[in-house]
Amino acid sequence: MADSRIVGGFEGNIIETPYLLYDEFVTGSFRHICGGAIINNRIILTAANCTDGRVHRPESYRVRAGSNSHNSGGVISVVSKIIPHEYYEIGGNHENDISLVFLSTALTMGNGIGIINLPSPFTEPAPGSNAVVTGWGTNVSQISY
């Protein structure tokens, strides 16, 4: 079974990245899994490819905040509305691959749940700046040569 960490990464602590959450679309036994970032207590930022075809069925989409685990702990919230980028194309080349996900009820900040600290819209990182990447993935490549 594949590990649940970013390729080459390590398991972090949700207290250090409280804006990170786990989002999933569930239909019967099918689960589509992605990560997201908490923008405010009711809005999540995620990839549009994670919300493909769910715009008209947001109730089948949910998020888990405040946990390092995809299947336990934290708080589960139901989605009320999904808005993908207006120029995102399903099955396209991943340009404009971004969606806003609106929660039915507001998240309570604390206990590993917090808002991501974003730079101002006109701030560009200096060349050579360090960055932290967070998400749900695997720490080994699944490609065989």
Protein backbone atom coordinates (compact mmCIF):
# COMPACT_ATOMS: atom_id res chain seq x y z
CA MET A 1 0.00 0.00 0.00
CA ALA A 2 1.31 3.45 -0.89
CA ASP A 3 2.45 5.75 1.87
CA SER A 4 0.34 8.87 2.36
CA ARG A 5 3.08 11.50 2.14
CA ILE A 6 4.48 13.83 -0.52
CA VAL A 7 7.16 12.20 -2.72
CA GLY A 8 10.47 12.71 -0.91
CA GLY A 9 8.70 14.32 2.02
CA PHE A 10 7.92 13.39 5.58
CA GLU A 11 4.89 13.29 7.81
CA GLY A 12 4.36 16.67 9.39
CA ASN A 13 2.39 17.84 12.39
CA ILE A 14 -0.99 19.51 11.79
CA ILE A 15 -0.12 22.04 14.52
CA GLU A 16 2.69 23.31 12.25
CA THR A 17 0.43 23.48 9.16
CA PRO A 18 -3.07 24.08 10.55
CA TYR A 19 -4.33 25.42 7.21
CA LEU A 20 -3.87 22.02 5.53
CA LEU A 21 -6.90 19.80 5.23
CA TYR A 22 -7.99 16.62 3.55
CA ASP A 23 -10.87 16.78 1.10
CA GLU A 24 -12.70 13.95 -0.56
CA PHE A 25 -15.57 13.17 -2.87
CA VAL A 26 -17.46 10.02 -1.90
CA THR A 27 -19.90 8.04 -4.05
CA GLY A 28 -20.60 4.52 -2.82
CA SER A 29 -17.19 2.87 -2.43
CA PHE A 30 -15.41 5.38 -4.71
CA ARG A 31 -13.27 8.00 -2.97
CA HIS A 32 -11.41 10.78 -4.77
CA ILE A 33 -8.85 12.36 -2.46
CA CYS A 34 -7.10 15.74 -2.52
CA GLY A 35 -5.70 18.35 -0.19
CA GLY A 36 -6.78 21.90 0.40
CA ALA A 37 -5.94 25.06 2.30
CA ILE A 38 -8.19 26.98 4.69
CA ILE A 39 -8.65 30.53 3.34
CA ASN A 40 -11.15 31.55 6.02
CA ASN A 41 -13.52 29.70 8.35
CA ARG A 42 -15.92 28.85 5.48
CA ILE A 43 -13.78 28.81 2.33
CA ILE A 44 -11.26 26.19 1.20
CA LEU A 45 -8.85 26.47 -1.72
CA THR A 46 -8.21 23.25 -3.67
CA ALA A 47 -7.40 22.07 -7.20
CA ALA A 48 -10.23 22.19 -9.74
CA ASN A 49 -9.35 18.67 -10.88
CA CYS A 50 -10.39 17.60 -7.37
CA THR A 51 -13.85 19.08 -7.83
CA ASP A 52 -14.48 17.93 -11.45
CA GLY A 53 -18.15 17.17 -11.96
CA ARG A 54 -19.09 17.96 -8.36
CA VAL A 55 -20.23 21.54 -8.82
CA HIS A 56 -23.86 20.39 -8.99
CA ARG A 57 -23.42 17.81 -6.19
CA PRO A 58 -21.47 19.61 -3.45
CA GLU A 59 -23.18 17.57 -0.72
CA SER A 60 -21.15 14.52 -1.82
CA TYR A 61 -17.94 16.40 -1.06
CA ARG A 62 -16.52 16.81 2.45
CA VAL A 63 -13.37 18.03 4.17
CA ARG A 64 -11.49 16.95 7.30
CA ALA A 65 -9.62 19.72 9.12
CA GLY A 66 -7.37 19.53 12.17
CA SER A 67 -5.95 16.04 11.62
CA ASN A 68 -2.84 14.41 10.14
CA SER A 69 -4.99 11.39 9.29
CA HIS A 70 -7.33 11.05 6.34
CA ASN A 71 -9.70 8.77 8.24
CA SER A 72 -9.75 9.90 11.87
CA GLY A 73 -9.55 12.90 14.14
CA GLY A 74 -10.20 16.54 13.44
CA VAL A 75 -13.51 17.93 12.23
CA ILE A 76 -15.48 16.83 9.16
CA SER A 77 -17.41 19.53 7.30
CA VAL A 78 -19.96 19.21 4.50
CA VAL A 79 -19.67 21.39 1.41
CA SER A 80 -22.47 23.71 0.29
CA LYS A 81 -21.01 25.18 -2.91
CA ILE A 82 -18.06 24.66 -5.28
CA ILE A 83 -16.76 27.31 -7.68
CA PRO A 84 -14.00 26.24 -10.08
CA HIS A 85 -11.90 28.85 -11.92
CA GLU A 86 -13.98 30.17 -14.81
CA TYR A 87 -11.33 29.12 -17.37
CA TYR A 88 -10.56 25.68 -15.98
CA GLU A 89 -11.28 22.91 -18.51
CA ILE A 90 -12.07 19.41 -17.25
CA GLY A 91 -9.56 17.05 -18.82
CA GLY A 92 -7.47 20.01 -20.03
CA ASN A 93 -3.83 20.79 -19.39
CA HIS A 94 -4.32 21.84 -15.75
CA GLU A 95 -4.22 25.56 -16.47
CA ASN A 96 -6.40 27.49 -14.01
CA ASP A 97 -6.62 24.32 -11.89
CA ILE A 98 -8.12 25.95 -8.82
CA SER A 99 -11.49 25.84 -7.03
CA LEU A 100 -13.09 27.52 -4.05
CA VAL A 101 -15.06 25.20 -1.80
CA PHE A 102 -17.64 26.74 0.53
CA LEU A 103 -18.51 24.92 3.75
CA SER A 104 -22.04 24.52 5.11
CA THR A 105 -20.88 25.46 8.60
CA ALA A 106 -17.95 27.58 9.73
CA LEU A 107 -14.80 25.90 11.03
CA THR A 108 -13.75 26.79 14.56
CA MET A 109 -10.12 27.87 14.59
CA GLY A 110 -7.77 26.15 17.06
CA ASN A 111 -6.77 22.52 17.74
CA GLY A 112 -4.78 22.25 14.51
CA ILE A 113 -7.24 24.30 12.43
CA GLY A 114 -6.10 27.69 11.16
CA ILE A 115 -6.09 30.03 8.17
CA ILE A 116 -3.21 29.96 5.69
CA ASN A 117 -0.98 33.04 5.75
CA LEU A 118 -0.87 34.26 2.14
CA PRO A 119 1.37 37.07 0.85
CA SER A 120 -0.19 40.18 -0.63
CA PRO A 121 -1.30 39.70 -4.26
CA PHE A 122 1.57 41.81 -5.59
CA THR A 123 4.38 40.16 -3.64
CA GLU A 124 6.71 37.87 -5.57
CA PRO A 125 9.21 35.69 -3.75
CA ALA A 126 12.83 36.64 -4.29
CA PRO A 127 14.81 34.29 -6.54
CA GLY A 128 16.31 31.50 -4.47
CA SER A 129 13.72 31.85 -1.69
CA ASN A 130 12.86 28.74 0.30
CA ALA A 131 9.32 27.39 0.25
CA VAL A 132 7.37 24.81 2.19
CA VAL A 133 5.11 22.43 0.29
CA THR A 134 2.38 20.62 2.17
CA GLY A 135 -0.18 18.10 1.03
CA TRP A 136 -1.26 14.50 0.90
CA GLY A 137 0.81 12.22 -1.27
CA THR A 138 3.45 9.54 -1.18
CA ASN A 139 7.10 9.68 -0.18
CA VAL A 140 8.23 7.18 -2.84
CA SER A 141 7.79 7.27 -6.59
CA GLN A 142 5.20 4.86 -7.98
CA ILE A 143 6.95 4.79 -11.39
CA SER A 144 8.94 1.69 -12.33
CA TYR A 145 11.71 1.81 -14.92
